[in-house]
Amino acid sequence: MAEMRVGIGTASTGPLRGLRVLDLSTIISGPLCAQILGDLGADVIKIETPSGDSTRVMGERKGSITGLFAQVNRNKRSVVLDLKQEAGQRVLRKLAAKADALIENFRPDVMDRLGLGYERLARENPRLVYTAISGFGPDGPDAHQPAYDMVIQARSGFARVLGGAGPPKLIPNLFADKTSGMTAAWSTLAALFERERTGRGQRVDVPMLDAFASFLLPDVLGPRLFGEPPPPPPGVGDGLYTAWPTKDGHVAIVIIENRQFEAVMRVLGREDAISDKRFESLVARIMNAPALYELIRGEIGKHTNAELQERARKYEAPIGVINDLAGFTADDQAVANHVLVEVPDAHAGALHLLRSPPRYSLTPTDVRQGPPHLGEHTEAVLREMGFEDEEIAEVLRR
């Protein structure tokens, strides 16, 4: 399969080459969606206010780029427009008239109040796919409420599930934002595919609450489909999602199928347990979970992480070394996958960015443009789009 290439300034080779996307979004959800489309080859124009996306000031900064901004804004060009002013609105409407898709994550009524809502833009460009990410969607009692990642985590019910019998817990990661961004990306792609059939674009609403629930809750709600499930036998929960301590670290272990159990026992040097009647099936292992976990706990600490990883590969056992971030970036498989790519930046130096995951055999993805500095491409993009010198000068005066 073709690998992701770093080809700064080169023409797109991705499957979305030739498509133009306007990214009016900020923070994580919308920018991640637009970056995915850019990685796939679309020409993404990031429309920013004169002060820029908020993530430009979140963390250590070089020029107008921070680490957080860099990870969700590559393969974009930055154009600064003040959409509160008539000149900025006029330019945006002209850009939208020639765009294939537009991504925004304002509250539901903001774009309409600016005269830039879907109905207005679709009159001039009926082929436009307009994707709106919001906290709760365009309807309902909280449609106009502000929503951030932690608020969505709280409302979804997952914090209670994660906390178990103790107090609720929030995931210390922008899970809701990122799942919403990924959901918006495939939703936009589906609408673009439909447009190829019918010639018409459409509005796509992606509520964060729905996207987060759809991603995180299937395996939580599944067992409750026919009512509250009975409690597991005593001790079963002690081994689920456990970080097993080794001689020099920790590993994760999965044992569901018989072949997985046999492989793990071979890794631990306990082939004798394979014929133990207490562990001969999944049901038997559940009923005798405390004894199984005691066996694992007694053996796992005799080995180092490296030894366990080597033996896991030999026996094809589902055992994973628990890396820290440095361990992940140095992990043999992560290195083989080129999970991180180095992108040069004239002001910020070498940027190490997470690569686009899919590998296309005919239309490889690449990094054509590093994360843009604020307003870096305003003049070039407007000239490319046919704006006159006076119009460009008016925008640049801002």
Protein backbone atom coordinates (compact mmCIF):
# COMPACT_ATOMS: atom_id res chain seq x y z
CA MET A 1 0.00 0.00 0.00
CA ALA A 2 1.13 3.56 -0.70
CA GLU A 3 2.55 5.42 2.30
CA MET A 4 1.66 8.95 3.29
CA ARG A 5 4.13 11.33 1.66
CA VAL A 6 5.31 14.71 2.83
CA GLY A 7 5.15 16.79 -0.31
CA ILE A 8 4.91 20.41 0.80
CA GLY A 9 3.67 22.56 -2.05
CA THR A 10 2.88 19.62 -4.33
CA ALA A 11 -0.41 19.00 -6.10
CA SER A 12 -2.89 16.75 -4.37
CA THR A 13 -2.96 13.05 -5.20
CA GLY A 14 -5.72 12.13 -2.74
CA PRO A 15 -9.20 10.86 -3.65
CA LEU A 16 -10.82 14.28 -2.97
CA ARG A 17 -8.45 16.24 -5.21
CA GLY A 18 -10.25 18.99 -7.10
CA LEU A 19 -12.78 19.64 -4.33
CA ARG A 20 -12.78 22.93 -2.42
CA VAL A 21 -13.84 23.10 1.24
CA LEU A 22 -14.40 26.20 3.36
CA ASP A 23 -13.56 25.64 7.02
CA LEU A 24 -15.22 28.27 9.21
CA SER A 25 -14.89 26.20 12.37
CA THR A 26 -12.71 26.56 15.46
CA ILE A 27 -11.15 24.54 18.30
CA ILE A 28 -11.32 20.77 17.52
CA SER A 29 -14.50 19.24 16.06
CA GLY A 30 -14.82 21.25 12.85
CA PRO A 31 -11.08 21.71 12.25
CA LEU A 32 -10.51 17.96 12.59
CA CYS A 33 -13.33 17.27 10.12
CA ALA A 34 -11.86 19.72 7.62
CA GLN A 35 -8.33 18.36 8.12
CA ILE A 36 -9.55 14.85 7.30
CA LEU A 37 -11.02 16.18 4.05
CA GLY A 38 -7.77 18.03 3.37
CA ASP A 39 -5.70 14.92 4.01
CA LEU A 40 -7.89 13.14 1.47
CA GLY A 41 -6.91 15.73 -1.12
CA ALA A 42 -9.45 18.57 -0.88
CA ASP A 43 -8.30 22.18 -1.07
CA VAL A 44 -9.31 23.42 2.39
CA ILE A 45 -9.51 27.17 2.96
CA LYS A 46 -9.63 27.99 6.66
CA ILE A 47 -11.60 31.19 7.24
CA GLU A 48 -10.44 32.88 10.45
CA THR A 49 -11.35 36.02 12.34
CA PRO A 50 -8.64 38.69 12.67
CA SER A 51 -7.75 37.21 16.07
CA GLY A 52 -7.61 33.68 14.69
CA ASP A 53 -8.75 30.26 15.88
CA SER A 54 -8.63 30.03 19.68
CA THR A 55 -6.29 27.04 19.53
CA ARG A 56 -3.60 29.35 18.13
CA VAL A 57 -3.04 30.59 21.70
CA MET A 58 -3.60 27.34 23.64
CA GLY A 59 -0.14 26.22 24.70
CA GLU A 60 3.40 27.09 23.66
CA ARG A 61 3.42 29.09 20.46
CA LYS A 62 5.89 29.64 17.65
CA GLY A 63 4.70 32.32 15.29
CA SER A 64 0.94 31.78 15.27
CA ILE A 65 1.13 28.00 15.63
CA THR A 66 0.68 25.88 18.75
CA GLY A 67 0.94 22.14 19.04
CA LEU A 68 -2.82 21.69 19.37
CA PHE A 69 -3.51 23.92 16.36
CA ALA A 70 -0.92 22.05 14.28
CA GLN A 71 -2.47 18.63 14.89
CA VAL A 72 -5.89 19.55 13.44
CA ASN A 73 -5.10 22.18 10.80
CA ARG A 74 -2.58 20.82 8.30
CA ASN A 75 -3.41 20.75 4.59
CA LYS A 76 -5.26 24.06 4.87
CA ARG A 77 -4.74 27.62 3.71
CA SER A 78 -5.61 30.47 6.08
CA VAL A 79 -7.72 33.44 4.96
CA VAL A 80 -8.65 36.15 7.45
CA LEU A 81 -12.14 37.64 7.11
CA ASP A 82 -14.13 39.70 9.59
CA LEU A 83 -17.57 38.13 9.12
CA LYS A 84 -19.16 40.79 11.31
CA GLN A 85 -18.41 43.31 8.57
CA GLU A 86 -20.23 43.54 5.24
CA ALA A 87 -16.96 43.25 3.29
CA GLY A 88 -16.10 39.95 4.97
CA GLN A 89 -19.61 38.58 4.46
CA ARG A 90 -19.54 39.55 0.81
CA VAL A 91 -16.24 37.78 0.24
CA LEU A 92 -17.43 34.68 2.08
CA ARG A 93 -20.54 34.47 -0.10
CA LYS A 94 -18.38 34.65 -3.23
CA LEU A 95 -16.08 31.95 -1.93
CA ALA A 96 -19.05 29.74 -1.00
CA ALA A 97 -20.46 30.15 -4.49
CA LYS A 98 -17.42 28.26 -5.82
CA ALA A 99 -17.02 25.77 -2.97
CA ASP A 100 -18.04 22.13 -2.77
CA ALA A 101 -18.45 21.98 1.01
CA LEU A 102 -18.53 24.28 4.02
CA ILE A 103 -17.84 23.25 7.63
CA GLU A 104 -18.92 25.35 10.62
CA ASN A 105 -19.42 24.72 14.34
CA PHE A 106 -21.15 27.87 15.55
CA ARG A 107 -24.35 27.80 17.57
CA PRO A 108 -27.33 27.06 15.29
CA ASP A 109 -28.46 30.67 14.66
CA VAL A 110 -25.10 32.43 14.24
CA MET A 111 -24.60 31.94 10.50
CA ASP A 112 -28.19 32.90 9.71
CA ARG A 113 -27.81 36.15 11.68
CA LEU A 114 -24.72 36.93 9.62
CA GLY A 115 -26.62 36.33 6.39
CA LEU A 116 -24.45 33.28 5.71
CA GLY A 117 -26.80 30.42 6.57
CA TYR A 118 -27.40 27.42 4.35
CA GLU A 119 -30.56 28.70 2.67
CA ARG A 120 -28.83 31.94 1.62
CA LEU A 121 -25.67 30.25 0.36
CA ALA A 122 -27.56 27.42 -1.38
CA ARG A 123 -29.50 29.93 -3.49
CA GLU A 124 -26.24 30.92 -5.15
CA ASN A 125 -24.68 27.45 -5.04
CA PRO A 126 -27.24 24.62 -4.89
CA ARG A 127 -24.40 22.07 -5.09
CA LEU A 128 -22.96 23.19 -1.76
CA VAL A 129 -22.75 20.61 1.04
CA TYR A 130 -23.11 22.61 4.26
CA THR A 131 -22.07 20.72 7.42
CA ALA A 132 -23.00 22.29 10.75
CA ILE A 133 -21.61 20.83 13.97
CA SER A 134 -23.33 21.96 17.14
CA GLY A 135 -23.60 20.79 20.72
CA PHE A 136 -27.19 19.57 20.68
CA GLY A 137 -28.46 20.02 17.13
CA PRO A 138 -30.80 22.67 15.65
CA ASP A 139 -33.91 21.65 17.64
CA GLY A 140 -34.85 20.93 21.24
CA PRO A 141 -34.68 22.90 24.51
CA ASP A 142 -30.87 23.14 24.47
CA ALA A 143 -30.35 23.88 20.79
CA HIS A 144 -28.85 27.29 21.54
CA GLN A 145 -26.93 26.26 24.64
CA PRO A 146 -23.12 26.40 24.54
CA ALA A 147 -21.61 22.92 24.55
CA TYR A 148 -18.05 21.88 25.17
CA ASP A 149 -16.49 18.45 25.34
CA MET A 150 -16.94 18.02 29.10
CA VAL A 151 -20.58 19.15 28.92
CA ILE A 152 -21.33 16.50 26.29
CA GLN A 153 -19.53 13.84 28.32
CA ALA A 154 -21.70 14.77 31.30
CA ARG A 155 -24.99 14.76 29.41
CA SER A 156 -24.34 11.46 27.59
CA GLY A 157 -24.43 9.29 30.71
CA PHE A 158 -20.94 7.95 30.09
CA ALA A 159 -19.36 9.73 33.06
CA ARG A 160 -21.59 7.73 35.38
CA VAL A 161 -20.74 4.50 33.58
CA LEU A 162 -17.02 5.26 33.79
CA GLY A 163 -17.25 6.04 37.48
CA GLY A 164 -18.90 2.72 38.25
CA ALA A 165 -19.92 2.44 41.90
CA GLY A 166 -17.87 5.53 42.76
CA PRO A 167 -18.35 9.17 41.75
CA PRO A 168 -18.74 9.97 38.03
CA LYS A 169 -15.57 10.44 36.00
CA LEU A 170 -14.87 12.58 32.96
CA ILE A 171 -12.43 11.34 30.36
CA PRO A 172 -9.39 13.68 30.43
CA ASN A 173 -9.36 13.85 26.65
CA LEU A 174 -11.40 15.74 24.06
CA PHE A 175 -13.31 12.60 23.10
CA ALA A 176 -16.62 14.29 22.27
CA ASP A 177 -14.97 16.91 20.07
CA LYS A 178 -12.97 14.35 18.11
CA THR A 179 -15.80 11.86 17.65
CA SER A 180 -17.96 14.73 16.40
CA GLY A 181 -15.23 15.75 13.95
CA MET A 182 -14.88 12.24 12.56
CA THR A 183 -18.66 11.85 12.33
CA ALA A 184 -18.89 15.16 10.48
CA ALA A 185 -16.19 14.02 8.04
CA TRP A 186 -17.94 10.84 6.94
CA SER A 187 -21.29 12.63 6.95
CA THR A 188 -19.89 15.27 4.59
CA LEU A 189 -18.39 12.60 2.34
CA ALA A 190 -21.76 10.82 2.13
CA ALA A 191 -23.50 14.08 1.16
CA LEU A 192 -20.85 14.73 -1.50
CA PHE A 193 -21.44 11.22 -2.86
CA GLU A 194 -25.19 11.86 -2.98
CA ARG A 195 -24.50 15.11 -4.84
CA GLU A 196 -22.71 13.13 -7.54
CA ARG A 197 -25.95 11.24 -8.09
CA THR A 198 -28.39 14.14 -7.98
CA GLY A 199 -26.36 17.28 -8.61
CA ARG A 200 -27.69 18.89 -5.42
CA GLY A 201 -25.98 19.62 -2.13
CA GLN A 202 -27.72 19.70 1.23
CA ARG A 203 -27.40 20.79 4.84
CA VAL A 204 -25.91 18.20 7.22
CA ASP A 205 -26.39 18.71 10.97
CA VAL A 206 -24.07 16.84 13.34
CA PRO A 207 -25.02 17.20 17.04
CA MET A 208 -22.07 16.46 19.32
CA LEU A 209 -24.40 14.74 21.82
CA ASP A 210 -25.56 12.28 19.16
CA ALA A 211 -22.10 11.68 17.72
CA PHE A 212 -20.54 11.01 21.12
CA ALA A 213 -23.35 8.68 22.19
CA SER A 214 -23.23 6.79 18.90
CA PHE A 215 -19.50 6.22 19.26
CA LEU A 216 -19.20 5.37 22.96
CA LEU A 217 -22.48 3.79 24.03
CA PRO A 218 -23.21 0.79 21.73
CA ASP A 219 -21.36 -1.66 23.97
CA VAL A 220 -22.79 0.05 27.07
CA LEU A 221 -26.42 0.01 25.99
CA GLY A 222 -26.18 -3.31 24.11
CA PRO A 223 -26.34 -5.55 27.20
CA ARG A 224 -29.28 -3.46 28.46
CA LEU A 225 -31.36 -3.87 25.29
CA PHE A 226 -33.71 -6.36 26.95
CA GLY A 227 -33.52 -4.92 30.45
CA GLU A 228 -30.87 -4.46 33.09
CA PRO A 229 -28.44 -7.40 32.87
CA PRO A 230 -27.76 -9.54 35.95
CA PRO A 231 -24.58 -8.73 37.87
CA PRO A 232 -21.49 -10.70 36.80
CA PRO A 233 -20.22 -13.53 38.99
CA PRO A 234 -17.99 -12.34 41.87
CA GLY A 235 -14.49 -11.43 40.80
CA VAL A 236 -15.16 -11.22 37.03
CA GLY A 237 -14.81 -7.43 36.96
CA ASP A 238 -11.43 -7.58 38.70
CA GLY A 239 -9.62 -8.52 35.47
CA LEU A 240 -11.47 -6.45 32.93
CA TYR A 241 -9.52 -3.44 31.66
CA THR A 242 -6.69 -4.25 34.05
CA ALA A 243 -3.13 -2.96 33.71
CA TRP A 244 -1.21 -6.10 34.69
CA PRO A 245 2.10 -5.29 36.44
CA THR A 246 5.20 -6.85 34.86
CA LYS A 247 8.81 -6.87 36.01
CA ASP A 248 9.39 -3.39 34.52
CA GLY A 249 6.01 -1.99 33.53
CA HIS A 250 2.47 -3.04 32.66
CA VAL A 251 0.61 -4.87 29.90
CA ALA A 252 -3.00 -5.32 28.82
CA ILE A 253 -4.34 -8.84 28.19
CA VAL A 254 -7.47 -10.00 26.37
CA ILE A 255 -8.81 -13.52 26.81
CA ILE A 256 -12.14 -14.29 25.17
CA GLU A 257 -11.72 -17.20 22.77
CA ASN A 258 -10.09 -20.52 23.65
CA ARG A 259 -7.19 -19.96 21.26
CA GLN A 260 -6.47 -16.63 22.95
CA PHE A 261 -6.41 -18.31 26.36
CA GLU A 262 -4.05 -20.99 25.06
CA ALA A 263 -1.73 -18.40 23.50
CA VAL A 264 -1.57 -16.34 26.70
CA MET A 265 -0.80 -19.44 28.77
CA ARG A 266 2.05 -20.31 26.39
CA VAL A 267 3.43 -16.78 26.71
CA LEU A 268 3.38 -17.17 30.50
CA GLY A 269 4.92 -20.63 30.36
CA ARG A 270 1.83 -22.23 31.87
CA GLU A 271 0.88 -24.72 29.18
CA ASP A 272 -0.37 -26.98 31.98
CA ALA A 273 -3.32 -24.62 32.52
CA ILE A 274 -4.58 -25.23 28.97
CA SER A 275 -5.99 -28.60 30.04
CA ASP A 276 -7.38 -27.30 33.34
CA LYS A 277 -11.14 -27.97 33.33
CA ARG A 278 -11.75 -24.68 35.17
CA PHE A 279 -10.60 -22.75 32.10
CA GLU A 280 -11.75 -24.97 29.22
CA SER A 281 -14.37 -22.52 27.86
CA LEU A 282 -15.40 -18.90 28.09
CA VAL A 283 -18.21 -19.76 30.49
CA ALA A 284 -15.86 -21.82 32.64
CA ARG A 285 -13.31 -19.00 32.72
CA ILE A 286 -15.97 -16.51 33.77
CA MET A 287 -17.18 -18.77 36.56
CA ASN A 288 -13.59 -19.30 37.73
CA ALA A 289 -12.31 -15.79 37.02
CA PRO A 290 -10.70 -15.22 40.44
CA ALA A 291 -8.56 -18.36 40.02
CA LEU A 292 -7.59 -17.37 36.47
CA TYR A 293 -6.64 -13.85 37.50
CA GLU A 294 -4.60 -15.19 40.40
CA LEU A 295 -2.71 -17.43 37.97
CA ILE A 296 -1.99 -14.54 35.60
CA ARG A 297 -0.98 -12.22 38.43
CA GLY A 298 1.46 -14.79 39.76
CA GLU A 299 3.19 -15.28 36.40
CA ILE A 300 3.09 -11.93 34.64
CA GLY A 301 5.44 -10.23 37.09
CA LYS A 302 8.22 -12.70 36.25
CA HIS A 303 8.68 -11.19 32.79
CA THR A 304 9.72 -7.83 31.36
CA ASN A 305 7.59 -5.95 28.86
CA ALA A 306 10.06 -6.73 26.08
CA GLU A 307 10.01 -10.44 26.86
CA LEU A 308 6.22 -10.52 26.89
CA GLN A 309 5.98 -8.62 23.61
CA GLU A 310 8.42 -10.99 21.93
CA ARG A 311 6.59 -14.07 23.18
CA ALA A 312 3.21 -12.53 22.31
CA ARG A 313 4.35 -12.18 18.71
CA LYS A 314 5.61 -15.77 18.70
CA TYR A 315 2.32 -17.22 19.93
CA GLU A 316 0.00 -14.57 18.44
CA ALA A 317 -1.32 -13.68 21.87
CA PRO A 318 -3.45 -10.54 22.45
CA ILE A 319 -1.04 -8.89 24.88
CA GLY A 320 -0.15 -5.22 24.57
CA VAL A 321 2.63 -3.35 26.30
CA ILE A 322 1.26 -0.24 28.00
CA ASN A 323 3.40 2.54 26.52
CA ASP A 324 3.88 6.05 27.70
CA LEU A 325 3.86 8.65 24.91
CA ALA A 326 7.60 8.31 24.30
CA GLY A 327 7.19 4.54 24.17
CA PHE A 328 4.38 4.87 21.65
CA THR A 329 6.37 7.08 19.28
CA ALA A 330 9.30 4.63 19.51
CA ASP A 331 7.09 1.52 19.26
CA ASP A 332 8.28 -0.78 16.46
CA GLN A 333 4.83 -0.96 14.90
CA ALA A 334 4.20 2.78 15.16
CA VAL A 335 7.55 3.39 13.46
CA ALA A 336 6.74 0.86 10.73
CA ASN A 337 3.38 2.56 10.19
CA HIS A 338 4.97 6.04 10.02
CA VAL A 339 2.35 7.18 12.52
CA LEU A 340 4.19 10.50 12.91
CA VAL A 341 5.39 12.53 9.95
CA GLU A 342 7.81 15.44 10.09
CA VAL A 343 6.62 18.62 8.43
CA PRO A 344 8.92 21.63 8.05
CA ASP A 345 7.74 25.13 8.98
CA ALA A 346 9.74 28.27 8.35
CA HIS A 347 8.79 29.83 11.69
CA ALA A 348 8.09 26.87 13.97
CA GLY A 349 10.76 24.45 12.78
CA ALA A 350 10.10 20.73 12.37
CA LEU A 351 6.54 19.74 13.30
CA HIS A 352 5.80 16.11 14.14
CA LEU A 353 2.20 15.47 13.16
CA LEU A 354 -0.01 12.40 13.33
CA ARG A 355 -0.46 10.99 9.87
CA SER A 356 -3.71 10.39 8.05
CA PRO A 357 -4.62 6.75 8.83
CA PRO A 358 -6.00 5.37 5.51
CA ARG A 359 -3.62 4.09 2.85
CA TYR A 360 -4.89 4.29 -0.75
CA SER A 361 -3.21 2.17 -3.41
CA LEU A 362 -4.12 4.52 -6.29
CA THR A 363 -4.69 7.92 -4.67
CA PRO A 364 -2.23 8.27 -1.77
CA THR A 365 -2.74 10.95 0.83
CA ASP A 366 0.05 13.36 1.64
CA VAL A 367 0.91 16.53 3.56
CA ARG A 368 0.88 19.27 0.96
CA GLN A 369 0.53 22.16 3.37
CA GLY A 370 1.59 22.38 7.00
CA PRO A 371 -0.65 24.18 9.50
CA PRO A 372 -1.02 27.72 8.15
CA HIS A 373 -0.02 30.87 9.96
CA LEU A 374 -2.83 33.35 10.55
CA GLY A 375 -3.92 34.97 7.30
CA GLU A 376 -0.94 33.50 5.44
CA HIS A 377 -2.89 32.86 2.25
CA THR A 378 -5.49 35.64 2.25
CA GLU A 379 -4.18 37.58 -0.72
CA ALA A 380 -3.15 34.53 -2.75
CA VAL A 381 -6.50 32.77 -2.34
CA LEU A 382 -8.54 35.86 -3.19
CA ARG A 383 -6.48 36.50 -6.33
CA GLU A 384 -6.83 32.86 -7.30
CA MET A 385 -10.61 33.18 -6.90
CA GLY A 386 -10.75 36.19 -9.21
CA PHE A 387 -11.19 39.05 -6.73
CA GLU A 388 -10.25 42.54 -7.92
CA ASP A 389 -7.39 44.53 -6.35
CA GLU A 390 -9.80 46.92 -4.58
CA GLU A 391 -11.74 44.06 -3.00
CA ILE A 392 -8.52 42.41 -1.82
CA ALA A 393 -7.21 45.68 -0.42
CA GLU A 394 -10.45 46.19 1.52
CA VAL A 395 -10.15 42.77 3.09
CA LEU A 396 -6.47 43.19 3.92
CA ARG A 397 -7.11 46.51 5.66
CA ARG A 398 -9.39 44.79 8.24
